[in-house]
Amino acid sequence: MQKWSQLFYKNTGLNPYVWLVFFILPFYYISQYSKLWTLVTGIVIILVFFVCYLLAFITRGWQVYMWIGLLIAISITMTIAYDYAYFSLFLAFFIGNIKNKAGFITLYSINLAASFLTINYGFIIQSSRLLSQFPFVFISLMASILLPVSTYNKNKREQLEGQLENANKRLDELVKMEERQRIARDLHDTLGQKLSLIGLKTDLAKRLLRTNPEQAEIELNDLRQTASTALKEVREMVTTMRGTQLVDELFRAEQILKAASIEFNLDGNPKLHDTSQLNENVLGMCLKEAVTNVVKHSQATICTIRLKETLSDNIVLVHDNGIGMEQGSNKDRRGTGILGMKERLEFVNGCLDIRSGADMDGTELIIQVPKLVRKPIKEE
């Protein structure tokens, strides 16, 4: 059940004891009238004002404007009939808490105009009570001008701060999600290749165990070395997230292709020029994924890697003479691996092109990343 204190804003901008004084003040002011009917009527009007004020807080939509209109009418009545001009303070505070800009401006203007006109009307007819309270009436009028604007701006600022905090939280969640996806891709690319190589060497050692034990022992030693390398790479990736050079990835690609009995051909200079560490790392991870797919899915006997350069890009072509993507039944080539490559390349403004079909032998992947932009040297 909602507590009565929760019907009002938690931060009123004024001390609650000040509001208590404002609540008692109109009753004290009315008690100075000697006529019974004037006293009773004034008390009833005051009670109606505070009831309407409470209803304005707990209602929503158009009903709020209805209650505020009634409150303004009561404020005008109390100023003209009883020379009490301080209800405008309650209205000024309430209007400042209205979130709708058009509604705030409209009610602010109406309340300010009503307060100004009724107070001036009292001065024109030379009301003795109102004239005797001129300093306090002037302060009340100034508060009616400044308090709504101050309260509205404060609430607006708090709302923007809340939105900014929510946006920052959302941004942190997106950064964490992107980091998880990046780590997942790194683990997939790093462990996927090494585990494939371990599987191939295990099958080979198993076949050679009876026919050629010495060669089987060599393969087992390579298997142990591969496992150690995989463990080392995972540790380095988790602890330092270091980049890898394309030369290292080409050496690993040659190892896994030879282990799978696939002929390896390299065409081009593996030393890249005008390329950032990030772009080279992306090229290396994409090359690793492409070679892993060749071993797992292509059924190829030859894999050729060509390295090309243009004025603006570095290009790596991975071509195999296998069954091609359209004829393959495995979905991994079009799934996590290819998607991960595209996501990595999009991050560095690179691109991936896949060519496979009846018009060519096997599959060719064209991996392209931009070079660093070099500023021209000015001639002196």
Protein backbone atom coordinates (compact mmCIF):
# COMPACT_ATOMS: atom_id res chain seq x y z
CA MET A 1 0.00 0.00 0.00
CA GLN A 2 1.31 3.47 -0.89
CA LYS A 3 2.30 5.62 2.07
CA TRP A 4 0.82 9.10 2.35
CA SER A 5 4.32 10.62 2.29
CA GLN A 6 4.91 9.05 -1.14
CA LEU A 7 2.12 11.12 -2.66
CA PHE A 8 4.56 14.03 -2.81
CA TYR A 9 7.99 14.25 -4.38
CA LYS A 10 10.75 13.05 -2.11
CA ASN A 11 12.84 16.19 -2.70
CA THR A 12 10.59 19.25 -2.42
CA GLY A 13 13.43 21.72 -2.64
CA LEU A 14 12.30 23.31 0.66
CA ASN A 15 12.52 22.24 4.25
CA PRO A 16 9.38 20.29 5.35
CA TYR A 17 9.02 22.55 8.39
CA VAL A 18 8.73 25.57 6.12
CA TRP A 19 5.86 23.86 4.32
CA LEU A 20 4.27 23.14 7.70
CA VAL A 21 4.38 26.87 8.48
CA PHE A 22 2.80 27.63 5.11
CA PHE A 23 0.07 25.11 5.92
CA ILE A 24 -0.72 26.65 9.34
CA LEU A 25 -0.39 30.27 8.17
CA PRO A 26 -3.72 30.57 6.27
CA PHE A 27 -5.69 29.24 9.26
CA TYR A 28 -3.96 31.72 11.56
CA TYR A 29 -4.65 34.50 9.07
CA ILE A 30 -8.39 33.65 8.84
CA SER A 31 -8.72 33.42 12.62
CA GLN A 32 -8.23 37.21 12.81
CA TYR A 33 -11.63 37.80 11.23
CA SER A 34 -14.36 38.42 13.81
CA LYS A 35 -17.45 37.52 11.79
CA LEU A 36 -18.44 33.87 12.12
CA TRP A 37 -19.61 33.33 8.55
CA THR A 38 -16.45 34.95 7.18
CA LEU A 39 -14.34 32.73 9.43
CA VAL A 40 -16.20 29.51 8.51
CA THR A 41 -16.21 30.32 4.79
CA GLY A 42 -12.47 31.05 4.85
CA ILE A 43 -11.68 27.81 6.66
CA VAL A 44 -13.81 25.83 4.19
CA ILE A 45 -12.04 27.47 1.24
CA ILE A 46 -8.65 26.68 2.77
CA LEU A 47 -9.59 23.03 3.35
CA VAL A 48 -10.91 22.77 -0.20
CA PHE A 49 -7.62 24.22 -1.47
CA PHE A 50 -5.48 21.64 0.32
CA VAL A 51 -7.80 18.78 -0.71
CA CYS A 52 -7.55 19.89 -4.35
CA TYR A 53 -3.79 20.29 -3.94
CA LEU A 54 -3.53 16.70 -2.70
CA LEU A 55 -5.72 15.43 -5.54
CA ALA A 56 -3.57 17.29 -8.06
CA PHE A 57 -0.54 15.34 -6.79
CA ILE A 58 -2.13 11.89 -6.96
CA THR A 59 -4.01 12.22 -10.26
CA ARG A 60 -2.64 11.94 -13.78
CA GLY A 61 -3.40 13.36 -17.22
CA TRP A 62 -5.98 16.04 -17.86
CA GLN A 63 -7.33 15.83 -14.30
CA VAL A 64 -4.14 17.47 -13.02
CA TYR A 65 -4.85 20.57 -15.11
CA MET A 66 -8.44 20.62 -13.87
CA TRP A 67 -7.34 20.65 -10.23
CA ILE A 68 -4.70 23.30 -10.89
CA GLY A 69 -7.29 25.48 -12.57
CA LEU A 70 -9.49 25.14 -9.47
CA LEU A 71 -6.50 25.94 -7.23
CA ILE A 72 -5.76 29.11 -9.21
CA ALA A 73 -9.41 30.14 -8.85
CA ILE A 74 -9.25 29.57 -5.07
CA SER A 75 -5.99 31.55 -4.88
CA ILE A 76 -7.63 34.48 -6.72
CA THR A 77 -10.66 34.31 -4.39
CA MET A 78 -8.51 34.30 -1.26
CA THR A 79 -6.47 37.27 -2.52
CA ILE A 80 -9.51 39.38 -3.41
CA ALA A 81 -11.89 38.39 -0.60
CA TYR A 82 -9.43 37.83 2.28
CA ASP A 83 -6.27 39.67 1.12
CA TYR A 84 -4.33 36.40 1.43
CA ALA A 85 -1.86 36.21 -1.49
CA TYR A 86 0.35 33.33 -0.40
CA PHE A 87 -1.39 30.37 -2.00
CA SER A 88 0.53 31.28 -5.14
CA LEU A 89 3.63 29.78 -3.44
CA PHE A 90 1.99 26.34 -3.34
CA LEU A 91 0.97 26.72 -6.97
CA ALA A 92 4.44 27.92 -7.97
CA PHE A 93 6.06 24.85 -6.44
CA PHE A 94 3.53 22.45 -7.97
CA ILE A 95 3.72 23.97 -11.45
CA GLY A 96 7.51 23.66 -11.35
CA ASN A 97 7.15 19.88 -11.02
CA ILE A 98 5.12 19.52 -14.23
CA LYS A 99 7.21 17.62 -16.78
CA ASN A 100 5.36 18.66 -19.93
CA LYS A 101 6.98 21.83 -21.26
CA ALA A 102 3.84 23.24 -22.89
CA GLY A 103 1.76 22.54 -19.77
CA PHE A 104 4.41 24.13 -17.55
CA ILE A 105 4.61 27.31 -19.64
CA THR A 106 0.82 27.64 -19.84
CA LEU A 107 0.13 27.14 -16.12
CA TYR A 108 3.15 29.22 -15.13
CA SER A 109 1.89 32.13 -17.22
CA ILE A 110 -1.68 31.82 -15.91
CA ASN A 111 -0.63 31.62 -12.26
CA LEU A 112 1.82 34.52 -12.60
CA ALA A 113 -0.74 36.69 -14.40
CA ALA A 114 -3.45 35.85 -11.85
CA SER A 115 -1.15 36.63 -8.91
CA PHE A 116 0.07 39.88 -10.45
CA LEU A 117 -3.41 41.13 -11.36
CA THR A 118 -5.07 40.24 -8.06
CA ILE A 119 -2.27 41.77 -5.97
CA ASN A 120 -2.38 44.97 -8.04
CA TYR A 121 -6.16 45.02 -7.73
CA GLY A 122 -5.75 44.95 -3.92
CA PHE A 123 -3.29 47.83 -4.09
CA ILE A 124 -5.63 49.81 -6.38
CA ILE A 125 -8.57 49.49 -3.97
CA GLN A 126 -6.08 50.25 -1.17
CA SER A 127 -6.71 47.16 0.91
CA SER A 128 -5.25 47.91 4.34
CA ARG A 129 -4.32 44.29 5.06
CA LEU A 130 -2.55 43.84 1.73
CA LEU A 131 -0.70 47.16 2.00
CA SER A 132 0.50 46.30 5.51
CA GLN A 133 1.98 43.05 4.14
CA PHE A 134 3.64 44.64 1.12
CA PRO A 135 7.20 43.28 1.80
CA PHE A 136 5.90 39.73 2.22
CA VAL A 137 3.54 40.05 -0.74
CA PHE A 138 6.44 41.27 -2.88
CA ILE A 139 8.57 38.29 -1.78
CA SER A 140 5.67 35.95 -2.57
CA LEU A 141 5.33 37.49 -6.04
CA MET A 142 9.08 37.11 -6.68
CA ALA A 143 8.89 33.49 -5.49
CA SER A 144 6.00 32.89 -7.90
CA ILE A 145 8.26 34.11 -10.69
CA LEU A 146 11.47 32.28 -9.75
CA LEU A 147 10.39 29.11 -7.90
CA PRO A 148 8.61 27.35 -10.83
CA VAL A 149 11.53 27.97 -13.20
CA SER A 150 14.08 26.82 -10.62
CA THR A 151 12.10 23.68 -9.74
CA TYR A 152 11.42 22.85 -13.41
CA ASN A 153 15.11 23.21 -14.33
CA LYS A 154 16.18 21.14 -11.32
CA ASN A 155 13.78 18.33 -12.20
CA LYS A 156 14.84 18.50 -15.84
CA ARG A 157 18.49 18.29 -14.85
CA GLU A 158 17.80 15.29 -12.59
CA GLN A 159 15.89 13.63 -15.41
CA LEU A 160 18.78 14.18 -17.84
CA GLU A 161 21.24 12.90 -15.25
CA GLY A 162 19.10 9.79 -14.82
CA GLN A 163 18.98 9.27 -18.59
CA LEU A 164 22.74 9.77 -18.80
CA GLU A 165 23.29 7.24 -16.03
CA ASN A 166 21.04 4.73 -17.79
CA ALA A 167 22.86 5.38 -21.07
CA ASN A 168 26.21 4.83 -19.37
CA LYS A 169 24.97 1.58 -17.85
CA ARG A 170 23.69 0.46 -21.24
CA LEU A 171 27.01 1.40 -22.83
CA ASP A 172 28.90 -0.59 -20.21
CA GLU A 173 26.67 -3.60 -20.92
CA LEU A 174 27.29 -3.27 -24.67
CA VAL A 175 31.05 -2.99 -24.12
CA LYS A 176 31.00 -6.08 -21.92
CA MET A 177 28.91 -7.96 -24.50
CA GLU A 178 31.26 -6.94 -27.31
CA GLU A 179 34.25 -7.99 -25.20
CA ARG A 180 32.65 -11.39 -24.52
CA GLN A 181 32.01 -11.87 -28.24
CA ARG A 182 35.57 -10.85 -29.07
CA ILE A 183 37.03 -13.26 -26.51
CA ALA A 184 34.73 -16.00 -27.82
CA ARG A 185 35.98 -15.40 -31.37
CA ASP A 186 39.60 -15.38 -30.20
CA LEU A 187 39.13 -18.66 -28.35
CA HIS A 188 37.31 -20.18 -31.31
CA ASP A 189 40.02 -19.13 -33.77
CA THR A 190 42.95 -20.05 -31.51
CA LEU A 191 41.73 -23.32 -30.02
CA GLY A 192 39.82 -24.41 -33.12
CA GLN A 193 42.97 -24.60 -35.23
CA LYS A 194 45.11 -26.24 -32.58
CA LEU A 195 42.46 -28.81 -31.63
CA SER A 196 41.98 -29.66 -35.31
CA LEU A 197 45.73 -30.15 -35.63
CA ILE A 198 45.79 -32.31 -32.49
CA GLY A 199 42.98 -34.46 -33.89
CA LEU A 200 44.76 -34.92 -37.20
CA LYS A 201 48.07 -35.80 -35.59
CA THR A 202 46.34 -38.20 -33.20
CA ASP A 203 44.71 -40.08 -36.11
CA LEU A 204 48.03 -40.13 -37.97
CA ALA A 205 49.97 -41.41 -34.95
CA LYS A 206 47.31 -44.08 -34.39
CA ARG A 207 47.70 -45.32 -37.98
CA LEU A 208 51.51 -45.29 -37.78
CA LEU A 209 51.71 -46.93 -34.36
CA ARG A 210 51.91 -50.48 -35.78
CA THR A 211 53.45 -49.86 -39.18
CA ASN A 212 56.02 -47.18 -38.37
CA PRO A 213 56.54 -46.73 -34.59
CA GLU A 214 59.41 -44.26 -35.03
CA GLN A 215 57.32 -41.92 -37.16
CA ALA A 216 54.44 -42.36 -34.73
CA GLU A 217 56.72 -41.24 -31.92
CA ILE A 218 57.66 -38.16 -33.92
CA GLU A 219 54.00 -37.34 -34.49
CA LEU A 220 53.26 -37.79 -30.77
CA ASN A 221 56.07 -35.41 -29.91
CA ASP A 222 54.62 -32.91 -32.39
CA LEU A 223 51.24 -33.50 -30.79
CA ARG A 224 52.66 -32.66 -27.37
CA GLN A 225 54.35 -29.57 -28.77
CA THR A 226 51.10 -28.45 -30.40
CA ALA A 227 49.19 -28.86 -27.13
CA SER A 228 51.86 -26.85 -25.30
CA THR A 229 51.69 -24.15 -27.97
CA ALA A 230 47.90 -23.98 -27.70
CA LEU A 231 48.09 -23.65 -23.92
CA LYS A 232 50.71 -20.93 -24.24
CA GLU A 233 48.63 -18.99 -26.78
CA VAL A 234 45.51 -19.16 -24.63
CA ARG A 235 47.44 -17.88 -21.62
CA GLU A 236 48.95 -15.05 -23.63
CA MET A 237 45.59 -14.16 -25.11
CA VAL A 238 43.84 -14.06 -21.74
CA THR A 239 46.58 -12.23 -19.86
CA THR A 240 47.89 -9.77 -22.42
CA MET A 241 45.58 -10.06 -25.44
CA ARG A 242 48.66 -9.52 -27.57
CA GLY A 243 48.51 -9.29 -31.34
CA THR A 244 50.03 -11.86 -33.67
CA GLN A 245 52.12 -11.20 -36.75
CA LEU A 246 51.11 -12.52 -40.13
CA VAL A 247 54.46 -14.34 -40.50
CA ASP A 248 53.70 -16.42 -37.40
CA GLU A 249 50.22 -17.30 -38.64
CA LEU A 250 51.60 -18.36 -42.02
CA PHE A 251 54.05 -20.68 -40.25
CA ARG A 252 51.22 -22.22 -38.21
CA ALA A 253 49.07 -22.51 -41.32
CA GLU A 254 51.86 -24.44 -43.06
CA GLN A 255 52.11 -26.80 -40.09
CA ILE A 256 48.43 -27.65 -39.92
CA LEU A 257 48.09 -28.03 -43.71
CA LYS A 258 51.06 -30.41 -43.88
CA ALA A 259 49.64 -32.38 -40.95
CA ALA A 260 46.41 -32.74 -42.93
CA SER A 261 48.36 -33.90 -46.03
CA ILE A 262 47.43 -30.72 -47.91
CA GLU A 263 50.10 -29.15 -50.10
CA PHE A 264 50.94 -25.61 -48.98
CA ASN A 265 51.91 -22.88 -51.45
CA LEU A 266 52.82 -19.30 -50.51
CA ASP A 267 52.98 -16.48 -53.02
CA GLY A 268 54.01 -12.99 -51.96
CA ASN A 269 55.93 -11.17 -49.25
CA PRO A 270 54.61 -11.84 -45.72
CA LYS A 271 56.15 -8.62 -44.42
CA LEU A 272 53.36 -6.07 -44.52
CA HIS A 273 53.92 -2.36 -45.03
CA ASP A 274 51.96 0.61 -43.66
CA THR A 275 49.76 -1.66 -41.54
CA SER A 276 48.79 -1.19 -37.91
CA GLN A 277 49.22 -3.98 -35.35
CA LEU A 278 45.44 -4.23 -35.06
CA ASN A 279 44.94 -4.72 -38.80
CA GLU A 280 47.74 -7.28 -38.98
CA ASN A 281 46.23 -9.12 -36.03
CA VAL A 282 42.85 -9.19 -37.77
CA LEU A 283 44.47 -10.52 -40.94
CA GLY A 284 46.24 -13.24 -38.95
CA MET A 285 43.08 -14.36 -37.12
CA CYS A 286 41.10 -14.41 -40.37
CA LEU A 287 43.86 -16.42 -42.05
CA LYS A 288 43.82 -18.87 -39.14
CA GLU A 289 40.05 -19.35 -39.48
CA ALA A 290 40.27 -19.72 -43.26
CA VAL A 291 42.97 -22.42 -43.02
CA THR A 292 41.01 -24.23 -40.32
CA ASN A 293 37.98 -24.32 -42.63
CA VAL A 294 40.12 -25.66 -45.47
CA VAL A 295 41.34 -28.52 -43.28
CA LYS A 296 37.94 -29.35 -41.78
CA HIS A 297 35.58 -28.93 -44.72
CA SER A 298 37.21 -28.54 -48.13
CA GLN A 299 38.57 -32.06 -48.77
CA ALA A 300 41.31 -30.25 -50.72
CA THR A 301 44.79 -31.49 -51.65
CA ILE A 302 46.33 -28.07 -52.37
CA CYS A 303 45.97 -24.76 -50.53
CA THR A 304 47.54 -21.60 -51.91
CA ILE A 305 47.93 -18.37 -49.96
CA ARG A 306 48.69 -15.22 -51.95
CA LEU A 307 49.68 -11.90 -50.42
CA LYS A 308 49.04 -8.73 -52.41
CA GLU A 309 49.32 -5.02 -51.83
CA THR A 310 47.64 -2.04 -53.42
CA LEU A 311 48.11 1.65 -52.70
CA SER A 312 45.38 1.56 -50.08
CA ASP A 313 44.94 -2.07 -48.98
CA ASN A 314 46.66 -5.29 -47.93
CA ILE A 315 45.04 -8.40 -49.39
CA VAL A 316 45.31 -12.07 -48.44
CA LEU A 317 43.84 -14.70 -50.79
CA VAL A 318 43.28 -18.25 -49.54
CA HIS A 319 42.47 -20.68 -52.36
CA ASP A 320 41.88 -24.44 -52.14
CA ASN A 321 41.02 -27.03 -54.78
CA GLY A 322 38.36 -28.72 -52.68
CA ILE A 323 34.68 -29.38 -53.13
CA GLY A 324 33.64 -25.76 -52.79
CA MET A 325 31.18 -24.17 -50.40
CA GLU A 326 28.04 -24.68 -52.45
CA GLN A 327 28.57 -28.43 -52.59
CA GLY A 328 29.67 -28.83 -48.97
CA SER A 329 27.15 -29.95 -46.41
CA ASN A 330 28.85 -28.51 -43.34
CA LYS A 331 27.26 -25.36 -41.97
CA ASP A 332 30.27 -24.19 -39.99
CA ARG A 333 31.85 -22.61 -43.04
CA ARG A 334 28.88 -20.30 -43.34
CA GLY A 335 28.32 -20.04 -39.62
CA THR A 336 30.44 -18.97 -36.68
CA GLY A 337 33.77 -18.93 -38.53
CA ILE A 338 32.76 -16.80 -41.53
CA LEU A 339 30.59 -14.56 -39.36
CA GLY A 340 33.48 -14.00 -36.95
CA MET A 341 35.79 -13.09 -39.82
CA LYS A 342 33.31 -10.58 -41.20
CA GLU A 343 32.79 -8.99 -37.78
CA ARG A 344 36.52 -8.62 -37.26
CA LEU A 345 37.04 -7.09 -40.69
CA GLU A 346 34.12 -4.70 -40.31
CA PHE A 347 35.71 -3.42 -37.11
CA VAL A 348 38.80 -2.25 -39.05
CA ASN A 349 36.86 -1.20 -42.18
CA GLY A 350 37.99 -4.30 -44.05
CA CYS A 351 35.98 -6.73 -46.14
CA LEU A 352 35.68 -10.41 -47.00
CA ASP A 353 34.78 -11.82 -50.40
CA ILE A 354 34.06 -15.52 -50.97
CA ARG A 355 34.22 -17.07 -54.41
CA SER A 356 33.06 -20.62 -54.95
CA GLY A 357 31.00 -22.38 -57.56
CA ALA A 358 30.92 -24.29 -60.81
CA ASP A 359 32.95 -21.63 -62.65
CA MET A 360 36.05 -22.20 -60.51
CA ASP A 361 37.94 -24.99 -58.81
CA GLY A 362 37.37 -25.09 -55.05
CA THR A 363 36.93 -21.98 -52.90
CA GLU A 364 38.77 -18.68 -52.69
CA LEU A 365 38.57 -16.25 -49.76
CA ILE A 366 39.73 -12.67 -50.35
CA ILE A 367 40.56 -10.92 -47.08
CA GLN A 368 41.22 -7.20 -47.38
CA VAL A 369 42.20 -4.57 -44.79
CA PRO A 370 43.11 -0.91 -45.34
CA LYS A 371 46.61 0.46 -44.93
CA LEU A 372 47.53 3.32 -42.64
CA VAL A 373 46.92 6.73 -44.11
CA ARG A 374 50.22 8.52 -44.53
CA LYS A 375 50.26 12.30 -44.62
CA PRO A 376 52.24 13.69 -47.56
CA ILE A 377 55.56 15.24 -46.66
CA LYS A 378 55.62 18.93 -47.42
CA GLU A 379 58.54 20.07 -49.52
CA GLU A 380 60.52 22.92 -48.01
